[in-house]
Protein backbone atom coordinates (compact mmCIF):
# COMPACT_ATOMS: atom_id res chain seq x y z
CA MET A 1 74.02 70.90 -11.36
CA THR A 2 70.26 72.21 -10.87
CA GLU A 3 69.85 75.42 -8.99
CA LEU A 4 68.04 75.33 -6.12
CA PRO A 5 64.77 78.25 -6.38
CA LEU A 6 65.23 81.41 -5.16
CA GLN A 7 63.71 81.99 -1.99
CA ARG A 8 60.53 84.90 -2.38
CA TYR A 9 60.29 87.31 -0.08
CA SER A 10 57.05 90.08 1.04
CA VAL A 11 58.99 93.31 2.75
CA SER A 12 57.17 92.57 5.80
CA SER A 13 58.06 88.76 5.45
CA LEU A 14 62.10 89.55 5.25
CA ASN A 15 61.57 92.21 8.17
CA ARG A 16 59.75 89.63 10.49
CA ALA A 17 62.98 87.06 9.00
CA VAL A 18 65.68 89.65 9.59
CA GLY A 19 64.04 90.18 13.29
CA SER A 20 64.13 86.25 14.18
CA LEU A 21 67.38 85.99 12.87
CA LEU A 22 68.29 89.34 14.95
CA GLU A 23 66.03 87.98 18.23
CA ARG A 24 67.62 84.21 17.45
CA GLY A 25 71.43 84.69 16.91
CA PHE A 26 71.64 87.53 19.12
CA ALA A 27 71.92 87.49 22.82
CA PRO A 28 68.96 89.41 25.32
CA ARG A 29 71.74 91.06 27.00
CA PHE A 30 75.16 92.42 26.31
CA LEU A 31 77.65 95.23 27.19
CA LEU A 32 78.37 98.39 24.64
CA ASP A 33 81.65 100.57 24.70
CA ALA A 34 80.31 104.14 22.84
CA THR A 35 80.82 107.98 23.11
CA VAL A 36 77.61 109.74 22.88
CA SER A 37 76.51 111.82 20.10
CA ARG A 38 73.11 114.12 19.92
CA PRO A 39 71.58 113.12 22.54
CA GLN A 40 68.13 115.05 22.18
CA LEU A 41 64.54 114.96 24.29
CA LYS A 42 61.72 113.56 22.76
CA LYS A 43 57.66 113.04 24.44
CA GLY A 44 60.05 111.99 27.36
CA HIS A 45 62.58 109.96 26.19
CA LEU A 46 65.91 110.25 25.30
CA TRP A 47 67.70 109.70 21.47
CA MET A 48 71.15 109.44 20.59
CA THR A 49 73.75 108.24 18.08
CA LEU A 50 76.46 105.66 20.05
CA VAL A 51 79.40 106.18 17.64
CA ASP A 52 83.38 105.12 17.87
CA ASP A 53 85.68 105.75 15.46
CA SER A 54 84.11 104.08 12.11
CA ALA A 55 80.75 103.08 12.85
CA SER A 56 77.52 104.69 14.76
CA ILE A 57 73.81 102.74 15.22
CA SER A 58 70.74 104.60 17.20
CA ALA A 59 69.70 104.21 20.69
CA VAL A 60 67.08 105.33 22.89
CA VAL A 61 66.17 105.63 26.97
CA TRP A 62 62.78 105.29 27.04
CA SER A 63 61.15 107.32 29.62
CA SER A 64 60.22 104.77 31.92
CA GLN A 65 64.13 104.53 32.78
CA LEU A 66 65.28 107.46 32.29
CA ALA A 67 64.48 108.89 35.39
CA ARG A 68 66.21 105.35 37.16
CA LEU A 69 69.79 106.23 35.57
CA ALA A 70 72.44 107.21 37.21
CA VAL A 71 73.49 109.97 35.10
CA GLN A 72 72.12 111.61 31.55
CA PRO A 73 74.95 112.01 29.28
CA ALA A 74 75.37 114.43 27.39
CA GLU A 75 77.70 115.18 23.94
CA GLY A 76 80.56 113.75 24.06
CA ASP A 77 80.82 111.78 26.72
CA GLY A 78 82.00 108.66 26.65
CA VAL A 79 79.45 105.31 28.73
CA VAL A 80 79.41 101.88 29.14
CA VAL A 81 76.08 100.39 28.00
CA VAL A 82 73.38 97.76 29.09
CA GLY A 83 71.13 97.55 26.33
CA LYS A 84 69.57 95.23 23.73
CA LEU A 85 68.47 95.14 20.44
CA ASN A 86 65.47 97.21 19.46
CA PHE A 87 64.72 95.51 15.63
CA TRP A 88 61.25 97.28 13.67
CA ALA A 89 59.97 94.76 11.08
CA THR A 90 57.78 97.41 9.88
CA ARG A 91 60.42 99.95 8.54
CA ALA A 92 63.55 97.67 9.35
CA SER A 93 64.64 99.88 11.99
CA LEU A 94 67.70 98.74 14.31
CA CYS A 95 67.97 100.42 17.63
CA VAL A 96 69.79 100.12 20.69
CA GLN A 97 67.48 99.78 23.72
CA VAL A 98 69.59 101.74 26.73
CA LEU A 99 68.46 99.28 30.26
CA ASP A 100 71.31 101.31 31.86
CA LEU A 101 74.16 103.69 31.41
CA ARG A 102 77.17 104.80 33.56
CA PRO A 103 80.24 106.71 32.30
CA SER A 104 82.78 105.14 30.82
CA LEU A 105 86.33 105.38 32.23
CA SER A 106 87.74 108.12 30.25
CA SER A 107 84.87 110.19 30.53
CA VAL A 108 85.10 109.75 34.13
CA LEU A 109 88.57 111.37 34.00
CA ARG A 110 88.21 113.87 31.80
CA ARG A 111 85.47 115.10 34.23
CA PHE A 112 87.54 115.12 37.18
CA GLU A 113 90.09 116.89 34.51
CA ARG A 114 88.22 119.40 34.05
CA VAL A 115 86.94 120.49 37.44
CA ARG A 116 90.17 120.06 38.86
CA ASP A 117 91.58 122.13 36.87
CA GLN A 118 88.82 124.66 37.90
CA LEU A 119 88.87 124.95 41.36
CA ALA A 120 92.52 124.66 41.61
CA PRO A 121 93.49 128.19 40.93
CA GLU A 122 90.65 129.02 43.05
CA GLY A 123 92.50 127.65 45.82
CA LEU A 124 90.49 124.70 47.44
CA PHE A 125 92.55 121.99 46.85
CA ASP A 126 95.68 123.97 49.03
CA PRO A 127 97.09 122.86 52.28
CA GLU A 128 96.64 126.30 53.76
CA ARG A 129 93.13 125.66 53.55
CA LYS A 130 92.92 122.59 56.00
CA ARG A 131 91.29 122.21 58.86
CA PRO A 132 92.97 120.73 62.16
CA LEU A 133 91.19 117.87 63.21
CA PRO A 134 90.13 118.09 67.03
CA ALA A 135 92.22 115.50 69.41
CA THR A 136 90.12 113.99 71.29
CA PRO A 137 85.83 114.82 69.01
CA GLY A 138 83.00 114.36 70.93
CA CYS A 139 80.75 113.95 67.93
CA ILE A 140 81.16 112.89 64.62
CA ALA A 141 78.95 112.84 61.98
CA LEU A 142 79.10 110.00 59.48
CA LEU A 143 77.70 111.05 56.08
CA THR A 144 77.62 107.32 53.74
CA SER A 145 74.76 105.11 52.91
CA ALA A 146 73.14 103.09 55.21
CA PRO A 147 72.93 99.60 56.08
CA SER A 148 76.18 98.98 53.80
CA SER A 149 79.45 97.20 55.03
CA ALA A 150 81.39 100.23 54.92
CA LEU A 151 79.11 102.50 57.75
CA ALA A 152 79.47 98.83 60.13
CA ASP A 153 83.29 99.15 59.58
CA MET A 154 83.36 102.79 60.52
CA LEU A 155 81.14 102.12 63.42
CA ARG A 156 83.00 98.71 64.53
CA THR A 157 86.49 100.77 64.65
CA ALA A 158 84.93 103.33 66.33
CA ALA A 159 83.61 101.31 68.92
CA GLU A 160 86.88 100.15 69.21
CA ARG A 161 88.93 103.01 69.34
CA TRP A 162 87.13 105.34 70.81
CA PRO A 163 83.85 104.82 72.14
CA ALA A 164 83.63 107.84 74.46
CA THR A 165 82.70 109.56 70.93
CA ARG A 166 78.75 109.73 70.44
CA VAL A 167 78.69 109.09 66.45
CA VAL A 168 75.86 110.79 63.83
CA VAL A 169 74.71 108.25 60.95
CA VAL A 170 73.58 110.26 58.29
CA PRO A 171 72.43 107.94 55.38
CA ILE A 172 72.64 109.72 51.75
CA PRO A 173 73.51 107.94 48.27
CA VAL A 174 76.12 107.02 47.17
CA GLN A 175 76.65 106.31 43.43
CA GLY A 176 74.31 107.63 40.16
CA ASN A 177 73.19 111.10 40.09
CA VAL A 178 73.01 111.82 43.05
CA GLU A 179 74.90 114.64 43.76
CA GLU A 180 72.92 117.27 44.93
CA GLN A 181 71.45 114.64 47.02
CA ILE A 182 74.41 115.13 49.36
CA VAL A 183 75.27 118.45 49.27
CA THR A 184 71.92 118.93 50.45
CA ALA A 185 72.34 116.64 53.57
CA LEU A 186 76.19 118.04 54.02
CA GLU A 187 74.54 122.19 53.90
CA HIS A 188 72.01 120.59 56.27
CA LEU A 189 74.16 118.47 58.92
CA ASP A 190 76.89 121.95 58.51
CA ARG A 191 73.72 123.47 59.61
CA ARG A 192 72.30 121.69 62.52
CA ALA A 193 76.32 121.27 64.07
CA ALA A 194 76.09 123.44 66.51
CA ALA A 195 72.46 121.56 68.21
CA LEU A 196 74.55 118.29 68.06
CA GLY A 197 77.60 118.90 69.17
CA VAL A 198 79.08 117.46 65.67
CA GLU A 199 82.19 118.74 65.60
CA ALA A 200 83.87 117.22 62.48
CA ILE A 201 82.03 114.73 59.37
CA VAL A 202 83.13 111.86 57.50
CA LEU A 203 81.92 111.41 53.98
CA ALA A 204 82.79 107.80 53.15
CA ARG A 205 81.82 105.57 50.53
CA GLY A 206 83.30 102.24 49.90
CA GLY A 207 84.76 100.00 47.39
CA GLY A 208 84.27 100.34 43.45
CA SER A 209 84.94 100.81 40.08
CA ARG A 210 85.73 103.89 39.85
CA GLU A 211 83.07 105.45 37.56
CA ASP A 212 81.33 104.85 41.10
CA LEU A 213 82.72 107.39 42.45
CA ALA A 214 82.01 109.59 40.16
CA VAL A 215 79.73 111.77 42.02
CA PHE A 216 82.21 112.65 43.84
CA ASP A 217 83.91 114.43 42.08
CA GLY A 218 81.22 117.29 41.11
CA GLU A 219 81.97 121.01 41.39
CA GLN A 220 78.82 121.52 43.63
CA LEU A 221 79.81 118.78 46.39
CA ALA A 222 83.81 120.31 46.36
CA ARG A 223 82.33 124.01 46.64
CA ALA A 224 79.77 122.85 49.94
CA ILE A 225 83.01 121.13 51.13
CA ALA A 226 84.93 123.95 50.85
CA ALA A 227 82.81 126.06 52.70
CA CYS A 228 81.60 123.55 55.44
CA GLY A 229 82.12 125.65 59.45
CA LEU A 230 83.40 121.89 60.32
CA PRO A 231 86.24 119.55 59.39
CA VAL A 232 85.73 117.04 56.03
CA VAL A 233 87.67 113.66 56.69
CA SER A 234 87.06 111.66 53.28
CA GLY A 235 86.96 107.80 53.03
CA ILE A 236 85.98 107.28 49.68
CA GLY A 237 86.70 103.94 47.17
CA HIS A 238 90.49 101.90 47.67
CA GLU A 239 93.29 103.76 48.53
CA ASP A 240 94.52 104.12 44.87
CA ASP A 241 91.05 105.73 44.17
CA ILE A 242 91.07 110.03 43.96
CA THR A 243 88.73 112.31 43.93
CA ILE A 244 87.61 115.76 44.02
CA ALA A 245 85.68 115.33 46.93
CA ASP A 246 89.31 114.52 48.91
CA LEU A 247 91.50 116.88 47.41
CA VAL A 248 88.98 119.80 48.78
CA ALA A 249 89.23 117.28 51.99
CA ASP A 250 90.86 118.27 55.06
CA LEU A 251 92.02 115.25 55.68
CA ARG A 252 91.81 112.31 52.58
CA ALA A 253 92.08 109.03 53.77
CA ALA A 254 92.25 105.70 51.95
CA THR A 255 89.65 103.62 52.42
CA PRO A 256 85.95 104.54 55.31
CA THR A 257 87.81 103.09 58.19
CA ALA A 258 90.76 104.72 57.31
CA ALA A 259 88.96 108.06 57.88
CA LEU A 260 87.15 106.71 61.71
CA VAL A 261 91.48 105.66 62.56
CA ALA A 262 92.58 109.23 61.09
CA LEU A 263 89.83 111.09 63.08
CA LEU A 264 89.94 108.95 67.17
CA PRO A 265 92.56 108.59 69.09
CA ASP A 266 93.33 104.84 69.91
CA ARG A 267 92.52 104.66 73.76
CA ARG A 268 94.63 102.01 73.91
CA GLN A 269 97.95 104.59 72.99
CA ALA A 270 96.14 106.66 75.21
CA ARG A 271 96.17 104.10 78.15
CA SER A 272 99.17 103.63 77.83
CA ALA A 273 100.14 107.50 77.88
CA LEU A 274 97.99 108.20 80.50
CA LEU A 275 99.89 105.53 83.17
CA GLN A 276 103.08 106.58 81.82
CA LEU A 277 102.03 109.95 82.90
CA ARG A 278 101.09 108.77 86.06
CA ARG A 279 104.07 107.07 87.37
CA HIS A 280 105.65 110.05 86.00
CA LEU A 281 102.72 112.43 88.19
CA GLY A 282 103.75 110.14 90.99
CA GLN A 283 107.57 110.43 91.15
CA VAL A 284 107.46 114.24 91.10
CA LEU A 285 104.87 113.64 93.49
CA GLY A 286 107.13 111.84 95.65
CA LEU A 287 110.14 114.33 95.39
CA ARG A 288 107.17 117.00 96.01
CA LEU A 289 106.54 115.66 99.47
CA GLN A 290 110.26 114.45 99.73
CA GLY A 291 111.31 117.87 99.74
CA GLU A 292 108.43 120.04 101.70
CA ARG A 293 108.92 117.52 104.07
CA GLN A 294 112.61 118.42 104.09
CA ARG A 295 111.44 122.19 105.04
CA LEU A 296 109.02 121.54 107.74
CA GLY A 297 111.69 119.56 109.82
CA ARG A 298 113.59 122.36 108.69
CA LEU A 299 111.06 124.48 110.21
CA GLN A 300 110.14 122.27 113.28
CA GLU A 301 113.44 122.82 114.13
CA ARG A 302 113.78 126.18 114.21
CA LEU A 303 111.01 126.68 115.83
CA ALA A 304 111.83 124.40 118.44
CA GLY A 305 114.28 126.94 118.52
CA LEU A 306 112.71 129.50 119.76
CA HIS A 307 110.68 127.71 122.26
CA PRO A 308 110.87 130.14 125.23
CA ARG A 309 112.52 127.07 127.34
CA THR A 310 115.35 126.53 124.06
CA GLN A 311 115.70 130.01 124.35
CA LEU A 312 115.88 130.55 128.16
CA GLU A 313 117.90 127.10 128.49
CA GLN A 314 120.64 128.75 125.29
CA ARG A 315 121.03 131.82 127.16
CA ARG A 316 121.63 130.37 130.46
CA ASP A 317 124.34 128.34 128.75
CA GLN A 318 126.14 131.49 127.69
CA LEU A 319 125.81 133.14 130.24
CA GLN A 320 127.73 130.14 131.69
CA ARG A 321 129.65 130.10 129.49
CA SER A 322 131.04 134.22 130.05
CA ARG A 323 130.86 133.75 133.23
CA LEU A 324 133.58 131.13 132.84
CA LEU A 325 135.56 133.47 130.50
CA LEU A 326 135.17 136.61 132.94
CA GLN A 327 136.68 134.49 135.59
CA ALA A 328 138.94 133.11 133.35
CA LEU A 329 139.67 136.70 132.41
CA SER A 330 139.90 138.23 135.72
CA PRO A 331 143.00 139.32 137.62
CA GLN A 332 141.88 137.11 140.88
CA HIS A 333 142.41 133.99 138.94
CA ALA A 334 145.82 135.14 137.73
CA LEU A 335 146.15 136.27 141.57
CA GLU A 336 145.45 132.49 142.45
CA ARG A 337 147.49 130.81 140.60
CA GLY A 338 150.56 132.81 142.34
CA PHE A 339 151.00 136.30 139.98
CA CYS A 340 150.78 139.47 141.79
CA LEU A 341 149.99 142.95 141.14
CA LEU A 342 152.12 145.71 142.11
CA ARG A 343 150.95 149.45 142.57
CA SER A 344 152.64 152.15 142.57
CA GLY A 345 152.31 154.29 146.28
CA GLY A 346 149.60 156.01 144.19
CA GLY A 347 147.49 152.73 144.28
CA GLY A 348 148.10 153.21 139.83
CA LEU A 349 149.04 150.27 138.32
CA VAL A 350 152.43 149.45 137.74
CA ARG A 351 152.65 148.17 134.18
CA SER A 352 156.66 148.70 132.84
CA ALA A 353 159.73 148.46 135.12
CA GLY A 354 160.24 152.14 133.73
CA GLU A 355 157.98 153.04 136.52
CA LEU A 356 160.05 152.60 139.37
CA ARG A 357 162.46 154.49 140.83
CA PRO A 358 165.03 152.98 144.09
CA GLY A 359 163.42 153.78 147.34
CA GLU A 360 160.02 153.85 145.96
CA ALA A 361 157.72 152.55 148.45
CA VAL A 362 154.87 150.04 146.94
CA LEU A 363 151.96 147.64 147.46
CA LEU A 364 152.05 144.43 146.47
CA GLN A 365 148.51 142.58 145.54
CA LEU A 366 147.78 139.02 146.41
CA ALA A 367 144.98 136.21 146.16
CA ASN A 368 144.60 136.35 149.58
CA GLY A 369 146.03 140.36 150.61
CA GLU A 370 148.61 142.80 150.50
CA ALA A 371 151.78 143.41 151.61
CA ASP A 372 153.67 146.67 151.84
CA ALA A 373 157.28 147.21 149.88
CA GLU A 374 160.17 149.24 148.91
CA ILE A 375 162.45 149.52 145.41
CA LEU A 376 165.54 148.79 145.81
CA ARG A 377 166.84 148.00 142.41
CA VAL A 378 165.75 148.32 139.25
CA ARG A 379 166.00 145.76 136.33
CA CYS A 380 165.42 146.40 132.63
CA GLN A 381 165.84 144.15 129.31
CA GLN A 382 167.30 145.21 126.82
CA PRO A 383 164.86 147.08 124.78
CA ALA A 384 164.08 146.94 121.49
CA PRO A 385 165.28 148.31 118.54
CA GLY A 386 164.32 151.93 118.42
CA GLN A 387 163.67 151.93 122.34
CA PRO A 388 166.25 154.15 124.67
CA SER A 389 168.14 152.57 127.21
CA PRO A 390 167.66 152.03 130.47
CA ILE A 391 168.84 154.44 132.46
CA ARG A 392 169.03 152.48 135.87
CA GLN A 393 168.89 148.94 137.56
CA SER A 394 167.38 149.29 141.50
CA ARG A 395 166.29 146.60 143.48
CA ALA A 396 162.91 146.84 145.58
CA ARG A 397 163.10 145.78 149.61
CA PRO A 398 160.82 145.71 152.12
CA ALA A 399 159.37 148.82 153.22
CA GLY A 400 161.38 149.87 156.49
CA LYS A 401 164.13 148.00 156.11
CA THR A 402 167.31 149.22 154.89
CA GLY A 403 170.52 148.15 152.42
CA ALA A 404 170.78 148.17 148.94
């Protein structure tokens, strides 16, 4: 069997062949999950070692790309690298050139837990420090990226729910290493809130991966939200995404649109409530007017009763009734009915048979005249129990005549 001759290389040609092989057989760009080890700046470039459980490889971020990175990694950070292979043929050195770099989910969650554990003992997450939202805010401010679909949705929701509220849009970056810019915008808005008439602030960002929301896990931003003089509503990411900013905010909404729903009243419900209140007030006013009409009617009746003519007629009626009563009770009326008055010789009215004596002269007063008479005999009725028995019986006879 004939053996093939071995390929002979120089060091330079071997390195160039390895480089050519890597260039032809490896993807020009790839994603790499790794942990950052020993990051250091040299002449404006960021050098580091990317490691996992059993291997490592060198990596570099050139100075031209370093300023465009969303985050600058620290020792032990989990990252997802967008990179490509760099092979230097002169020294057969292989390195990953980092084109972009983002924190991995595990790194984001570790940072979230670290900041949460740091701020929780200070009471920044306590429900007692949450401020109430204005019932019908006249003006609100939206801190979010502009233009963006999240901003468009929030503006549309604000116009539909409560168009009377004025909306101030404060554009901010919402991705990458922009925490300081967000804090600056929030503090500036807080200082000018009184002049602008702003009553509440919405800090919002549309959907994205949990890694994209890592900027809202910063301690500096959390303290700025807690120190803000206005109520802050957070609407960051999706319903399942919870950031440190959500925990510090006075109200956490699941989405940017939900933040506007929570902050602004619904004009349809408000209109329905006003119509119901209008009906209730109409009923109350109707009952009040009815009561006042009845009271006015009673006052009119009372006033009519106090009129001099009415008073005079009532007085005349009273006098007429009194006159009739006096006539009915007068002795003359009794005399006209056939009764008579018996007077003694001295002119006194005789009220009892016991006051008379036989032979006594008396005067009979009739309706149309008088007559003299003499008592012939007196007959008293049986006395009531306890009364003395009659001592005599006698009868009267006309004066001037004799006989028993």
